[in-house]
C-alpha cells in the first residue's frame, strides 16, 4: 500500500496556511476533527496524510551544498551559490523550510491525536487504533528531534534553548516561546514511550515500527552524547539488520533491496512528491536526484552540482560506495589541480539517486539504516576509550564496515588517541552517508572532538574563497526564520547567537 495516495483526501485537515505553522493553525472554516474522523478507518486515512508531511529533501539539499559534499557543476546556472558561500541568515530558505514544514507535520500529528482521543474503537479495531496512535506519536517525536538538531545550539546542554514543544493544537491567539532542551527532550521521550507501548510488530520499512522508535532513540542519544544509552540500542539494531552485501548495497539505491534499511520514506510515481521541484534550493520538493541534476543521471543529465573533490579524493574504486556515489560517465582527471582550467576536464557526476520505477532521479528516502547504527556504536566505543583492538572497539567496527563495502579483508585501524578515532568515524560517515543529509549535523556535533570542519578542495572554492568552516562556527546552528517572527515577534529575543 502506498501511504501517500490517500493524502489528497485529508490534506485540507492538516495544512496550516501562513508563515507560523506552530501557531496560526486554528482557522475559520476548517473541518474539525469530530466531523472529519468518525471511525478508525478515517484515522487510518488521516495517518497517511501525516506521513506525507515527512520529507528530508531540505536537509539533503542544504547539507550537500553548505558543507564539502559538492562542487559547482559544469551545467550550473548559479543554483545554490549563497549556501555554497556559507551565507546563512534568518531570511535564508533552509531555516524557513525546516521550521515551517516540521511544525506543519507536528500540527497534523496533534490534530490526529486529538481526534483519536475522542473516538472509541469498535470490537476488533483496538490493535489498528493503537498502531495509528503509536505511529503518530513517533512522527511527532521525530519532527521535534529534527527541529532540535538544527535549531538548538548544544543538544548536550539541558538548560540551553530548544525549540517550541507543541503537544496540543494551539489557538490563533497563542504566541509560544522556546522551551529548554530538557523540556523538549522530555516531550520527545514521552512520545517515544507511548509509541513503544502502542505499536505492534511489523516488518514493512515504509511504516513506523518498534525498530524505528529504537533507531530514533539511538540517534538522539548519540547526538546528546549519552552513549551509555545510544550504544546498546545501536548494537541491537546492527545485530538484527546486519550490513548489506556489495550487491545488495548497490540495489538499495535503485530501491530494489531493503537490506539494512530500518525505515524509509517511499516515493512512487503519481504521489505528491513526484516532480522535479525547484532546483538549487532546499525549498524544492520532489525527486532527490533533482537536487543535483536537471534531467537524469550521468554527464548527459545536465548536472548543476558535482561531487566535491575533497569527498571524491576519499573514495576508493574497490569500495562499492564508489560505484554508488560516482556515475560511470564521470570524467576523472588525476591532474585536475595542475593549472588554470584543468578542473574543466574533471567532471564528477553524482549517482546516488539514479531513479526507480522508470522515473529518473526519483528514489525512496532512507531515514534509518543499520550502517548508521554501526557508526553510532563506534562513537560509543570511542567515547568510552575503547577505540583500539580487534573486538569491541571503534577500530573493529570501522573494519567491519570496510570489509562489507570492499568485499574483502581490510586492515584493522590503529588510532593514536581519541581524536584520531573520532576523525576516522567522521570520515567514514562522510562516505557512507554521503548525500543523505547527515554531514552538517555530524560536523556540528563531532567536529570539535575530531578536530575537523568543512574543508573543500581549493579547486572547488577558488571562485568564491569559501573553502573552510570551523566546527565552532555559529552557522552550525540554524537561525530562527524571519517568517516566524512575522507572526510571533516575541521569538526575536530568543534568536540564536550570531544572527
Protein backbone atom coordinates (compact mmCIF):
# COMPACT_ATOMS: atom_id res chain seq x y z
CA UNK A 1 0.00 0.00 0.00
CA UNK A 2 1.28 3.45 -0.90
CA UNK A 3 0.84 5.74 2.10
CA UNK A 4 0.80 8.89 0.01
CA UNK A 5 -2.00 8.00 -2.39
CA UNK A 6 -4.71 8.89 0.13
CA UNK A 7 -3.07 12.17 1.12
CA UNK A 8 -5.26 14.33 -1.09
CA UNK A 9 -8.43 13.22 0.72
CA UNK A 10 -7.30 14.63 4.03
CA UNK A 11 -4.72 17.26 3.15
CA UNK A 12 -7.02 20.19 3.97
CA UNK A 13 -7.31 18.91 7.52
CA UNK A 14 -3.61 19.40 8.16
CA UNK A 15 -2.14 22.20 6.08
CA UNK A 16 -1.66 25.42 8.05
CA UNK A 17 -1.79 28.41 5.76
CA UNK A 18 0.54 31.27 6.68
CA UNK A 19 4.04 31.71 7.98
CA UNK A 20 3.68 30.42 11.50
CA UNK A 21 2.79 26.73 11.40
CA UNK A 22 3.37 26.40 15.12
CA UNK A 23 0.72 28.98 15.99
CA UNK A 24 -1.52 30.12 13.11
CA UNK A 25 -3.36 26.82 12.80
CA UNK A 26 -6.87 27.31 14.14
CA UNK A 27 -8.51 28.69 11.02
CA UNK A 28 -12.16 29.56 10.42
CA UNK A 29 -13.97 27.23 8.07
CA UNK A 30 -11.76 24.23 8.81
CA UNK A 31 -13.49 20.86 9.05
CA UNK A 32 -12.89 19.98 12.69
CA UNK A 33 -11.72 16.60 13.96
CA UNK A 34 -15.09 15.48 15.31
CA UNK A 35 -16.61 15.84 11.85
CA UNK A 36 -13.61 14.59 9.89
CA UNK A 37 -12.78 11.46 11.90
CA UNK A 38 -15.75 9.28 12.73
CA UNK A 39 -14.14 5.83 12.55
CA UNK A 40 -10.83 4.06 12.90
CA UNK A 41 -10.72 3.79 9.12
CA UNK A 42 -10.91 7.59 8.99
CA UNK A 43 -7.97 7.75 11.38
CA UNK A 44 -6.00 5.35 9.19
CA UNK A 45 -6.59 7.53 6.14
CA UNK A 46 -5.65 10.59 8.19
CA UNK A 47 -2.41 8.89 9.23
CA UNK A 48 -1.41 8.66 5.58
CA UNK A 49 -1.74 12.44 5.45
CA UNK A 50 0.52 12.77 8.49
CA UNK A 51 3.09 10.51 6.85
CA UNK A 52 3.03 12.65 3.76
CA UNK A 53 4.46 15.54 5.76
CA UNK A 54 7.67 13.57 6.23
CA UNK A 55 10.36 14.64 3.79
CA UNK A 56 14.12 15.07 4.22
CA UNK A 57 14.75 16.74 0.87
CA UNK A 58 15.54 20.12 2.53
CA UNK A 59 18.32 18.79 4.76
CA UNK A 60 19.79 16.67 1.97
CA UNK A 61 19.92 19.69 -0.35
CA UNK A 62 21.20 22.15 2.26
CA UNK A 63 23.77 19.84 3.83
CA UNK A 64 25.28 18.84 0.49
CA UNK A 65 25.69 22.45 -0.68
CA UNK A 66 26.67 24.08 2.61
CA UNK A 67 29.35 21.56 3.60
CA UNK A 68 32.02 19.86 1.48
CA UNK A 69 29.93 17.24 -0.32
CA UNK A 70 29.53 19.20 -3.55
CA UNK A 71 31.29 21.19 -6.23
CA UNK A 72 29.62 23.54 -8.69
CA UNK A 73 28.65 21.52 -11.77
CA UNK A 74 29.60 22.28 -15.35
CA UNK A 75 25.92 22.94 -16.16
CA UNK A 76 25.35 25.30 -13.24
CA UNK A 77 23.24 28.38 -13.68
CA UNK A 78 24.18 29.79 -10.27
CA UNK A 79 21.94 27.48 -8.22
CA UNK A 80 22.80 27.32 -4.52
CA UNK A 81 25.64 29.86 -4.64
CA UNK A 82 24.60 31.55 -1.39
CA UNK A 83 24.64 28.33 0.61
CA UNK A 84 27.85 27.29 -1.14
CA UNK A 85 29.42 30.50 0.13
CA UNK A 86 28.30 29.85 3.73
CA UNK A 87 25.74 32.66 3.59
CA UNK A 88 23.14 31.86 6.24
CA UNK A 89 20.74 34.24 7.97
CA UNK A 90 17.17 34.49 9.23
CA UNK A 91 15.92 35.12 5.71
CA UNK A 92 17.57 32.05 4.20
CA UNK A 93 15.41 29.30 2.73
CA UNK A 94 16.70 26.40 4.82
CA UNK A 95 15.65 27.55 8.31
CA UNK A 96 12.25 28.64 7.00
CA UNK A 97 11.60 25.35 5.24
CA UNK A 98 12.73 23.07 8.06
CA UNK A 99 10.93 25.12 10.70
CA UNK A 100 7.59 25.55 8.93
CA UNK A 101 7.36 22.07 7.44
CA UNK A 102 8.32 20.39 10.70
CA UNK A 103 5.67 22.31 12.60
CA UNK A 104 3.13 21.56 9.87
CA UNK A 105 3.85 17.87 10.47
CA UNK A 106 3.59 18.32 14.25
CA UNK A 107 0.29 20.16 13.79
CA UNK A 108 -1.03 17.32 11.63
CA UNK A 109 0.02 14.77 14.24
CA UNK A 110 -1.57 16.78 17.07
CA UNK A 111 -4.88 17.02 15.24
CA UNK A 112 -4.92 13.29 14.59
CA UNK A 113 -4.07 12.52 18.22
CA UNK A 114 -6.87 14.79 19.46
CA UNK A 115 -9.30 13.14 17.07
CA UNK A 116 -8.24 9.66 18.16
CA UNK A 117 -8.70 10.51 21.81
CA UNK A 118 -12.31 11.48 21.09
CA UNK A 119 -13.07 8.23 19.26
CA UNK A 120 -13.79 4.80 20.75
CA UNK A 121 -12.70 1.88 18.56
CA UNK A 122 -15.21 -0.86 17.86
CA UNK A 123 -14.67 -4.55 18.53
CA UNK A 124 -11.68 -5.88 16.65
CA UNK A 125 -10.26 -2.41 15.96
CA UNK A 126 -8.15 -1.87 19.06
CA UNK A 127 -4.87 -3.11 17.56
CA UNK A 128 -5.24 -0.92 14.46
CA UNK A 129 -6.26 2.04 16.61
CA UNK A 130 -3.22 1.55 18.85
CA UNK A 131 -0.88 1.35 15.87
CA UNK A 132 -2.28 4.56 14.38
CA UNK A 133 -1.76 6.41 17.65
CA UNK A 134 1.68 4.90 18.19
CA UNK A 135 2.91 5.83 14.72
CA UNK A 136 1.55 9.35 15.14
CA UNK A 137 3.34 9.84 18.46
CA UNK A 138 6.54 8.59 16.83
CA UNK A 139 6.18 11.05 13.97
CA UNK A 140 5.66 13.90 16.42
CA UNK A 141 8.79 12.84 18.30
CA UNK A 142 10.80 12.60 15.08
CA UNK A 143 9.79 16.08 13.96
CA UNK A 144 10.58 17.67 17.33
CA UNK A 145 14.00 15.98 17.26
CA UNK A 146 14.59 17.16 13.71
CA UNK A 147 13.94 20.74 14.85
CA UNK A 148 16.14 20.33 17.92
CA UNK A 149 19.05 19.06 15.84
CA UNK A 150 19.10 22.12 13.61
CA UNK A 151 17.96 24.93 15.92
CA UNK A 152 19.42 24.14 19.36
CA UNK A 153 22.97 25.37 19.87
CA UNK A 154 24.03 22.46 22.10
CA UNK A 155 22.00 19.28 22.44
CA UNK A 156 24.16 18.17 25.37
CA UNK A 157 23.09 21.16 27.49
CA UNK A 158 19.64 20.65 29.04
CA UNK A 159 19.42 24.30 30.04
CA UNK A 160 20.09 25.62 26.52
CA UNK A 161 17.17 26.84 24.46
CA UNK A 162 15.49 24.25 22.32
CA UNK A 163 12.54 24.75 20.01
CA UNK A 164 8.86 25.19 20.80
CA UNK A 165 7.47 22.00 22.29
CA UNK A 166 3.93 21.59 20.96
CA UNK A 167 1.84 18.63 22.09
CA UNK A 168 -1.55 20.26 21.51
CA UNK A 169 -3.36 22.30 18.86
CA UNK A 170 -2.77 25.96 19.75
CA UNK A 171 -5.33 28.64 19.11
CA UNK A 172 -4.60 31.54 16.79
CA UNK A 173 -4.02 34.00 19.66
CA UNK A 174 -1.25 31.98 21.33
CA UNK A 175 2.33 33.20 20.90
CA UNK A 176 4.53 30.39 22.11
CA UNK A 177 8.19 30.82 23.01
CA UNK A 178 11.09 28.37 23.00
CA UNK A 179 11.37 25.66 25.61
CA UNK A 180 14.61 24.42 27.13
CA UNK A 181 16.28 21.34 25.72
CA UNK A 182 15.28 19.43 28.83
CA UNK A 183 11.62 20.25 28.26
CA UNK A 184 11.65 19.38 24.57
CA UNK A 185 13.52 16.12 25.09
CA UNK A 186 11.11 15.20 27.88
CA UNK A 187 8.24 15.51 25.38
CA UNK A 188 10.12 13.51 22.74
CA UNK A 189 10.91 10.76 25.23
CA UNK A 190 7.31 10.62 26.45
CA UNK A 191 6.08 10.35 22.85
CA UNK A 192 8.52 7.54 22.11
CA UNK A 193 7.44 5.74 25.29
CA UNK A 194 3.82 5.96 24.15
CA UNK A 195 4.72 4.82 20.65
CA UNK A 196 6.63 1.85 22.02
CA UNK A 197 3.66 0.80 24.16
CA UNK A 198 1.18 1.04 21.28
CA UNK A 199 2.89 -0.18 18.10
CA UNK A 200 2.64 -3.84 17.17
CA UNK A 201 5.47 -5.71 15.50
CA UNK A 202 5.61 -5.17 11.74
CA UNK A 203 8.39 -5.55 9.19
CA UNK A 204 7.47 -3.12 6.39
CA UNK A 205 10.26 -0.48 6.38
CA UNK A 206 7.91 2.15 4.92
CA UNK A 207 5.81 2.15 8.10
CA UNK A 208 6.99 3.22 11.54
CA UNK A 209 7.86 0.21 13.67
CA UNK A 210 9.27 -0.53 17.09
CA UNK A 211 12.68 -0.55 15.42
CA UNK A 212 12.06 3.00 14.15
CA UNK A 213 11.47 4.01 17.78
CA UNK A 214 14.68 2.27 18.84
CA UNK A 215 16.69 3.85 16.00
CA UNK A 216 15.40 7.33 16.84
CA UNK A 217 16.31 6.80 20.49
CA UNK A 218 19.81 5.69 19.45
CA UNK A 219 20.37 8.67 17.15
CA UNK A 220 19.00 11.12 19.71
CA UNK A 221 21.20 9.71 22.48
CA UNK A 222 24.28 9.87 20.22
CA UNK A 223 23.55 13.48 19.30
CA UNK A 224 23.29 14.24 23.01
CA UNK A 225 26.48 12.23 23.73
CA UNK A 226 24.58 9.90 26.01
CA UNK A 227 26.47 6.90 24.72
CA UNK A 228 25.52 4.55 27.55
CA UNK A 229 22.02 4.72 26.03
CA UNK A 230 22.98 5.01 22.36
CA UNK A 231 25.48 2.15 22.23
CA UNK A 232 23.28 -0.78 23.33
CA UNK A 233 20.34 0.36 21.18
CA UNK A 234 22.54 0.73 18.11
CA UNK A 235 24.12 -2.66 18.73
CA UNK A 236 20.73 -4.37 18.96
CA UNK A 237 19.69 -2.93 15.60
CA UNK A 238 23.03 -3.71 13.98
CA UNK A 239 22.78 -7.32 15.12
CA UNK A 240 19.24 -7.60 13.78
CA UNK A 241 19.72 -5.95 10.38
CA UNK A 242 23.40 -6.56 9.69
CA UNK A 243 25.17 -4.91 6.77
CA UNK A 244 24.28 -5.29 3.12
CA UNK A 245 26.41 -7.33 0.76
CA UNK A 246 28.07 -5.44 -2.07
CA UNK A 247 25.33 -6.49 -4.49
CA UNK A 248 22.58 -5.61 -2.03
CA UNK A 249 24.21 -2.26 -1.31
CA UNK A 250 24.04 -1.18 -4.94
CA UNK A 251 20.43 -2.40 -5.15
CA UNK A 252 19.46 -0.26 -2.13
CA UNK A 253 19.97 2.90 -4.18
CA UNK A 254 17.82 1.65 -7.05
CA UNK A 255 15.12 0.80 -4.46
CA UNK A 256 15.48 -2.87 -5.41
CA UNK A 257 16.59 -4.01 -1.95
CA UNK A 258 15.63 -3.20 1.61
CA UNK A 259 18.83 -4.67 3.03
CA UNK A 260 19.90 -2.85 6.22
CA UNK A 261 17.00 -0.39 5.92
CA UNK A 262 15.19 0.20 9.21
CA UNK A 263 12.88 2.92 7.88
CA UNK A 264 12.50 4.78 4.62
CA UNK A 265 10.04 7.17 3.02
CA UNK A 266 8.59 5.64 -0.11
CA UNK A 267 8.49 7.77 -3.22
CA UNK A 268 6.44 6.48 -6.14
CA UNK A 269 5.04 7.63 -9.47
CA UNK A 270 1.94 9.77 -9.03
CA UNK A 271 2.46 10.72 -5.40
CA UNK A 272 2.66 14.32 -4.22
CA UNK A 273 6.47 14.31 -4.40
CA UNK A 274 6.61 13.03 -7.98
CA UNK A 275 8.07 16.16 -9.54
CA UNK A 276 11.38 17.79 -10.25
CA UNK A 277 10.72 20.55 -7.73
CA UNK A 278 12.51 23.88 -7.62
CA UNK A 279 16.18 23.24 -8.34
CA UNK A 280 19.11 24.60 -6.38
CA UNK A 281 17.15 25.42 -3.22
CA UNK A 282 16.34 23.46 -0.05
CA UNK A 283 12.75 24.63 -0.55
CA UNK A 284 12.36 22.31 -3.53
CA UNK A 285 10.22 19.22 -3.05
CA UNK A 286 10.44 16.33 -5.43
CA UNK A 287 12.92 13.80 -6.74
CA UNK A 288 16.06 13.56 -4.64
CA UNK A 289 18.32 13.29 -7.67
CA UNK A 290 16.92 16.59 -8.93
CA UNK A 291 18.80 18.31 -6.11
CA UNK A 292 21.93 17.74 -8.21
CA UNK A 293 20.89 17.34 -11.86
CA UNK A 294 18.22 18.83 -14.08
CA UNK A 295 17.27 15.89 -16.30
CA UNK A 296 18.65 12.48 -15.45
CA UNK A 297 21.75 10.69 -14.14
CA UNK A 298 25.11 10.91 -15.86
CA UNK A 299 27.09 13.53 -17.74
CA UNK A 300 24.26 13.95 -20.26
CA UNK A 301 21.72 14.61 -17.47
CA UNK A 302 22.69 18.27 -17.05
CA UNK A 303 24.28 18.11 -13.58
CA UNK A 304 24.39 21.51 -11.91
CA UNK A 305 26.22 20.09 -8.89
CA UNK A 306 29.02 17.54 -8.90
CA UNK A 307 30.86 15.52 -6.27
CA UNK A 308 33.09 17.68 -4.11
CA UNK A 309 36.73 16.91 -4.88
CA UNK A 310 37.67 16.60 -1.21
CA UNK A 311 34.99 13.90 -0.84
CA UNK A 312 35.91 12.20 -4.11
CA UNK A 313 39.54 12.01 -3.01
CA UNK A 314 38.46 9.88 -0.03
CA UNK A 315 36.84 7.25 -2.27
CA UNK A 316 38.47 4.01 -3.36
CA UNK A 317 37.47 2.37 -6.63
CA UNK A 318 37.48 -1.04 -4.89
CA UNK A 319 34.82 0.23 -2.47
CA UNK A 320 31.24 -0.43 -3.62
CA UNK A 321 30.36 3.05 -2.37
CA UNK A 322 32.46 4.48 -5.18
CA UNK A 323 30.15 2.83 -7.70
CA UNK A 324 27.07 4.11 -5.84
CA UNK A 325 28.29 7.69 -5.49
CA UNK A 326 30.15 8.18 -8.81
CA UNK A 327 28.36 7.76 -12.13
CA UNK A 328 30.44 5.76 -14.65
CA UNK A 329 30.18 8.54 -17.23
CA UNK A 330 32.25 10.80 -14.95
CA UNK A 331 35.48 12.18 -16.34
CA UNK A 332 38.20 11.80 -13.71
CA UNK A 333 41.32 13.88 -14.25
CA UNK A 334 44.15 12.94 -11.88
CA UNK A 335 45.80 16.27 -12.72
CA UNK A 336 42.66 18.31 -12.05
CA UNK A 337 44.57 20.80 -9.87
CA UNK A 338 47.60 21.25 -12.12
CA UNK A 339 46.71 24.60 -13.61
CA UNK A 340 44.02 27.15 -14.62
CA UNK A 341 41.18 25.49 -16.41
CA UNK A 342 42.33 21.96 -15.59
CA UNK A 343 39.24 21.43 -13.45
CA UNK A 344 37.06 21.75 -16.56
CA UNK A 345 38.31 18.31 -17.58
CA UNK A 346 37.28 16.84 -14.23
CA UNK A 347 33.55 16.05 -14.21
CA UNK A 348 32.44 14.01 -11.20
CA UNK A 349 28.74 13.18 -11.52
CA UNK A 350 26.65 12.14 -8.50
CA UNK A 351 24.81 8.85 -8.95
CA UNK A 352 23.40 8.06 -5.51
CA UNK A 353 19.82 8.79 -6.57
CA UNK A 354 19.63 7.31 -10.08
CA UNK A 355 15.85 6.83 -10.10
CA UNK A 356 13.43 3.92 -9.81
CA UNK A 357 10.17 2.65 -11.29
CA UNK A 358 11.33 4.05 -14.62
CA UNK A 359 11.42 7.60 -13.23
CA UNK A 360 14.90 9.16 -13.42
CA UNK A 361 16.15 10.82 -10.21
CA UNK A 362 13.20 9.58 -8.07
CA UNK A 363 14.19 7.39 -5.14
CA UNK A 364 12.98 6.44 -1.68
CA UNK A 365 14.41 8.47 1.19
CA UNK A 366 16.45 6.33 3.58
CA UNK A 367 15.93 7.61 7.13
CA UNK A 368 17.48 4.90 9.31
CA UNK A 369 19.96 2.26 8.15
CA UNK A 370 21.91 -0.26 10.20
CA UNK A 371 25.17 1.21 8.87
CA UNK A 372 24.37 4.38 10.82
CA UNK A 373 23.82 2.22 13.89
CA UNK A 374 27.28 0.67 13.44
CA UNK A 375 28.81 4.13 13.30
CA UNK A 376 26.87 5.25 16.38
CA UNK A 377 28.20 2.19 18.20
CA UNK A 378 31.70 3.14 17.02
CA UNK A 379 31.16 6.57 18.59
CA UNK A 380 30.10 4.94 21.84
CA UNK A 381 33.26 2.81 21.87
CA UNK A 382 35.46 5.85 21.19
CA UNK A 383 33.71 7.90 23.84
CA UNK A 384 34.33 5.13 26.36
CA UNK A 385 38.02 4.88 25.46
CA UNK A 386 37.75 1.55 23.60
CA UNK A 387 38.97 2.81 20.26
CA UNK A 388 41.70 0.23 19.54
CA UNK A 389 41.61 -3.56 19.41
CA UNK A 390 40.27 -6.37 17.25
CA UNK A 391 36.99 -6.71 19.16
CA UNK A 392 34.50 -4.41 20.89
CA UNK A 393 36.28 -1.29 19.68
CA UNK A 394 35.91 1.60 17.29
CA UNK A 395 38.64 0.05 15.13
CA UNK A 396 36.91 -3.33 14.88
CA UNK A 397 33.63 -1.70 13.88
CA UNK A 398 35.23 0.51 11.22
CA UNK A 399 36.99 -2.57 9.87
CA UNK A 400 33.65 -4.44 9.79
CA UNK A 401 32.14 -1.62 7.75
CA UNK A 402 35.04 -1.52 5.32
CA UNK A 403 35.14 -5.30 4.97
CA UNK A 404 31.48 -5.22 3.89
CA UNK A 405 31.94 -2.35 1.45
CA UNK A 406 35.20 -3.63 -0.08
CA UNK A 407 34.06 -7.24 -0.06
CA UNK A 408 37.45 -8.21 1.31
CA UNK A 409 39.51 -8.31 4.47
CA UNK A 410 40.74 -4.79 5.23
CA UNK A 411 43.35 -3.53 7.65
CA UNK A 412 42.40 -3.01 11.28
CA UNK A 413 42.83 0.71 12.02
CA UNK A 414 45.04 1.85 14.87
CA UNK A 415 44.38 5.23 16.50
CA UNK A 416 46.93 7.24 18.46
CA UNK A 417 44.23 8.85 20.57
CA UNK A 418 40.52 9.53 20.89
CA UNK A 419 40.67 12.48 18.48
CA UNK A 420 42.01 10.24 15.72
CA UNK A 421 39.25 7.72 16.40
CA UNK A 422 36.52 10.35 16.11
CA UNK A 423 38.18 11.74 12.98
CA UNK A 424 38.03 8.30 11.34
CA UNK A 425 34.39 7.87 12.37
CA UNK A 426 33.60 11.25 10.85
CA UNK A 427 35.39 10.34 7.61
CA UNK A 428 33.58 7.00 7.43
CA UNK A 429 30.25 8.73 8.00
CA UNK A 430 31.17 11.20 5.27
CA UNK A 431 31.49 8.36 2.75
CA UNK A 432 28.79 6.01 3.99
CA UNK A 433 26.12 8.68 4.49
CA UNK A 434 27.05 10.98 1.61
CA UNK A 435 24.11 12.96 0.22
CA UNK A 436 21.76 11.62 2.92
CA UNK A 437 21.59 14.84 4.93
CA UNK A 438 24.00 13.98 7.78
CA UNK A 439 27.23 15.88 7.13
CA UNK A 440 26.14 19.28 8.51
CA UNK A 441 24.90 17.83 11.79
CA UNK A 442 27.84 15.43 12.02
CA UNK A 443 30.31 18.32 11.87
CA UNK A 444 28.21 20.28 14.35
CA UNK A 445 28.26 17.52 16.96
CA UNK A 446 31.55 15.69 16.27
CA UNK A 447 33.70 18.29 14.55
CA UNK A 448 35.38 19.56 17.70
CA UNK A 449 36.05 16.05 19.01
CA UNK A 450 37.52 15.08 15.62
CA UNK A 451 39.30 18.42 15.01
CA UNK A 452 37.53 18.67 11.65
CA UNK A 453 35.30 21.19 9.94
CA UNK A 454 34.18 21.87 6.40
CA UNK A 455 37.18 21.60 4.11
CA UNK A 456 36.67 21.92 0.37
CA UNK A 457 39.30 21.23 -2.25
CA UNK A 458 40.92 24.54 -3.31
CA UNK A 459 39.76 23.99 -6.88
CA UNK A 460 36.12 23.79 -5.79
CA UNK A 461 36.17 27.05 -3.87
CA UNK A 462 38.61 29.10 -5.93
CA UNK A 463 35.82 31.22 -7.41
CA UNK A 464 34.48 32.47 -4.06
CA UNK A 465 37.10 31.72 -1.41
CA UNK A 466 34.60 29.88 0.82
CA UNK A 467 36.87 26.91 1.42
CA UNK A 468 36.57 26.07 5.10
CA UNK A 469 34.32 26.47 8.12
CA UNK A 470 35.32 25.73 11.69
CA UNK A 471 33.11 23.31 13.63
CA UNK A 472 32.73 26.02 16.29
CA UNK A 473 31.23 28.48 13.79
CA UNK A 474 27.81 29.79 14.83
CA UNK A 475 26.40 28.78 11.45
CA UNK A 476 26.36 25.14 12.52
CA UNK A 477 23.11 26.09 14.24
CA UNK A 478 20.33 27.43 12.05
CA UNK A 479 18.77 30.82 12.80
CA UNK A 480 15.12 31.06 13.74
CA UNK A 481 13.48 32.06 10.46
CA UNK A 482 12.21 35.56 9.87
CA UNK A 483 8.88 34.19 8.65
CA UNK A 484 8.23 33.01 12.20
CA UNK A 485 8.95 36.45 13.66
CA UNK A 486 6.27 37.99 11.47
CA UNK A 487 3.59 36.09 13.37
CA UNK A 488 5.40 35.59 16.68
CA UNK A 489 7.57 38.66 17.36
CA UNK A 490 8.48 37.55 20.89
CA UNK A 491 10.80 34.95 19.40
CA UNK A 492 13.11 37.69 18.13
CA UNK A 493 14.51 37.95 21.64
CA UNK A 494 15.32 34.21 21.52
CA UNK A 495 17.25 34.25 18.23
CA UNK A 496 20.32 32.03 18.14
CA UNK A 497 23.74 33.67 18.64
CA UNK A 498 25.44 35.24 15.63
CA UNK A 499 22.31 36.13 13.67
